[in-house]
Amino acid sequence: MGVLTHALKQSGKLVEAVINVYGDQIPSNETSVMCRFRNITELDHLPNMEGVDAADAIVWFEPDVDIEEGSIIKVDGEYWRIDRLIKARRLSSSAIVFLKALVRRHQLAEAS
């Protein structure tokens, strides 16, 4: 149990994608995970953020969720790709207490 377990009340799905003959990513398997999702696109409108490459949203996970940078997650019917994964640790420990993912909106093709 991580330090954020009490806050991880949203349901998300880790999505495995396959590439079809046209080079499109098609969703295949989905695995349910508990997470906390926060849309942060309002940061793009701040005047002092010019030239900063900001994420679209942040997603927090339990420390034992099997994800990595480049993974795709589906939250509230929208797909997001993990650009940066941060493994949070306490100062005096090497144990990971939660995962924080900076994500961007991602488009997958429809399965035919």
Protein backbone atom coordinates (compact mmCIF):
# COMPACT_ATOMS: atom_id res chain seq x y z
CA MET A 1 0.00 0.00 0.00
CA GLY A 2 1.45 3.34 -1.09
CA VAL A 3 1.18 6.74 0.55
CA LEU A 4 -1.40 7.88 -2.04
CA THR A 5 -3.70 4.85 -1.88
CA HIS A 6 -6.46 6.92 -0.25
CA ALA A 7 -6.44 9.35 -3.21
CA LEU A 8 -6.31 6.83 -6.06
CA LYS A 9 -10.07 6.55 -6.57
CA GLN A 10 -10.30 6.83 -10.37
CA SER A 11 -10.30 3.82 -12.65
CA GLY A 12 -7.91 3.82 -15.58
CA LYS A 13 -6.87 1.21 -18.10
CA LEU A 14 -3.33 0.44 -19.21
CA VAL A 15 -3.62 -0.14 -22.95
CA GLU A 16 -1.45 -2.40 -25.07
CA ALA A 17 -1.42 -1.28 -28.69
CA VAL A 18 -0.50 -3.22 -31.80
CA ILE A 19 0.56 -1.79 -35.15
CA ASN A 20 -1.65 -2.70 -38.12
CA VAL A 21 -0.51 -3.09 -41.75
CA TYR A 22 -1.03 0.65 -42.31
CA GLY A 23 1.24 1.62 -39.40
CA ASP A 24 -1.63 2.72 -37.14
CA GLN A 25 -1.70 1.90 -33.43
CA ILE A 26 -4.75 -0.22 -32.57
CA PRO A 27 -5.75 -0.85 -28.93
CA SER A 28 -5.62 -4.53 -28.01
CA ASN A 29 -5.47 -5.56 -24.33
CA GLU A 30 -6.57 -3.32 -21.48
CA THR A 31 -5.67 -3.79 -17.81
CA SER A 32 -7.58 -1.90 -15.09
CA VAL A 33 -5.61 0.17 -12.58
CA MET A 34 -6.56 2.64 -9.88
CA CYS A 35 -5.13 6.11 -10.40
CA ARG A 36 -5.59 9.83 -9.81
CA PHE A 37 -5.91 11.93 -12.97
CA ARG A 38 -5.53 15.71 -13.16
CA ASN A 39 -5.81 17.73 -16.35
CA ILE A 40 -3.23 20.56 -16.31
CA THR A 41 -3.65 22.17 -19.73
CA GLU A 42 -4.46 25.52 -18.11
CA LEU A 43 -0.71 25.91 -17.47
CA ASP A 44 -0.18 26.39 -21.22
CA HIS A 45 -1.95 29.76 -21.03
CA LEU A 46 0.38 31.39 -18.52
CA PRO A 47 2.43 34.19 -20.13
CA ASN A 48 5.72 33.16 -18.49
CA MET A 49 5.45 29.59 -19.86
CA GLU A 50 6.40 30.52 -23.41
CA GLY A 51 8.66 27.92 -24.96
CA VAL A 52 8.14 25.44 -22.11
CA ASP A 53 7.00 22.02 -23.25
CA ALA A 54 4.28 21.30 -20.69
CA ALA A 55 2.36 18.04 -20.23
CA ASP A 56 -1.40 17.89 -20.79
CA ALA A 57 -2.13 16.03 -17.56
CA ILE A 58 -0.64 14.22 -14.56
CA VAL A 59 -1.58 10.71 -13.46
CA TRP A 60 -0.54 9.16 -10.13
CA PHE A 61 -0.30 5.39 -9.59
CA GLU A 62 0.56 2.88 -6.88
CA PRO A 63 4.30 2.05 -6.82
CA ASP A 64 3.74 -1.53 -8.03
CA VAL A 65 1.90 -0.69 -11.28
CA ASP A 66 3.78 -2.06 -14.29
CA ILE A 67 4.20 1.06 -16.47
CA GLU A 68 7.04 2.84 -18.21
CA GLU A 69 7.60 5.90 -20.37
CA GLY A 70 5.73 5.42 -23.64
CA SER A 71 2.93 3.40 -22.03
CA ILE A 72 -0.64 4.32 -22.96
CA ILE A 73 -3.40 4.80 -20.38
CA LYS A 74 -7.11 5.35 -20.97
CA VAL A 75 -8.94 7.58 -18.48
CA ASP A 76 -12.56 8.70 -18.92
CA GLY A 77 -12.59 7.40 -22.49
CA GLU A 78 -9.50 9.34 -23.62
CA TYR A 79 -6.05 7.96 -24.41
CA TRP A 80 -2.88 9.42 -22.87
CA ARG A 81 0.78 8.55 -23.53
CA ILE A 82 3.28 8.72 -20.68
CA ASP A 83 6.07 11.15 -21.62
CA ARG A 84 7.84 11.14 -18.28
CA LEU A 85 7.56 8.77 -15.34
CA ILE A 86 8.72 9.93 -11.92
CA LYS A 87 9.35 7.37 -9.18
CA ALA A 88 8.75 9.17 -5.89
CA ARG A 89 10.85 8.18 -2.90
CA ARG A 90 11.22 9.49 0.63
CA LEU A 91 14.51 11.24 1.33
CA SER A 92 15.79 8.55 3.67
CA SER A 93 14.66 5.51 1.68
CA SER A 94 15.18 3.88 -1.68
CA ALA A 95 11.66 2.38 -1.69
CA ILE A 96 9.28 3.86 -4.28
CA VAL A 97 6.13 5.25 -2.58
CA PHE A 98 4.15 6.26 -5.70
CA LEU A 99 4.51 6.82 -9.45
CA LYS A 100 3.75 10.16 -11.09
CA ALA A 101 3.30 10.25 -14.87
CA LEU A 102 3.38 13.36 -17.04
CA VAL A 103 1.14 12.54 -19.99
CA ARG A 104 0.02 13.93 -23.35
CA ARG A 105 -3.20 13.27 -25.19
CA HIS A 106 -2.73 10.35 -27.59
CA GLN A 107 -4.70 9.16 -30.60
CA LEU A 108 -5.26 5.48 -31.38
CA ALA A 109 -6.92 4.21 -34.56
CA GLU A 110 -10.27 2.43 -34.40
CA ALA A 111 -10.14 -1.35 -34.40
CA SER A 112 -11.63 -2.71 -37.63
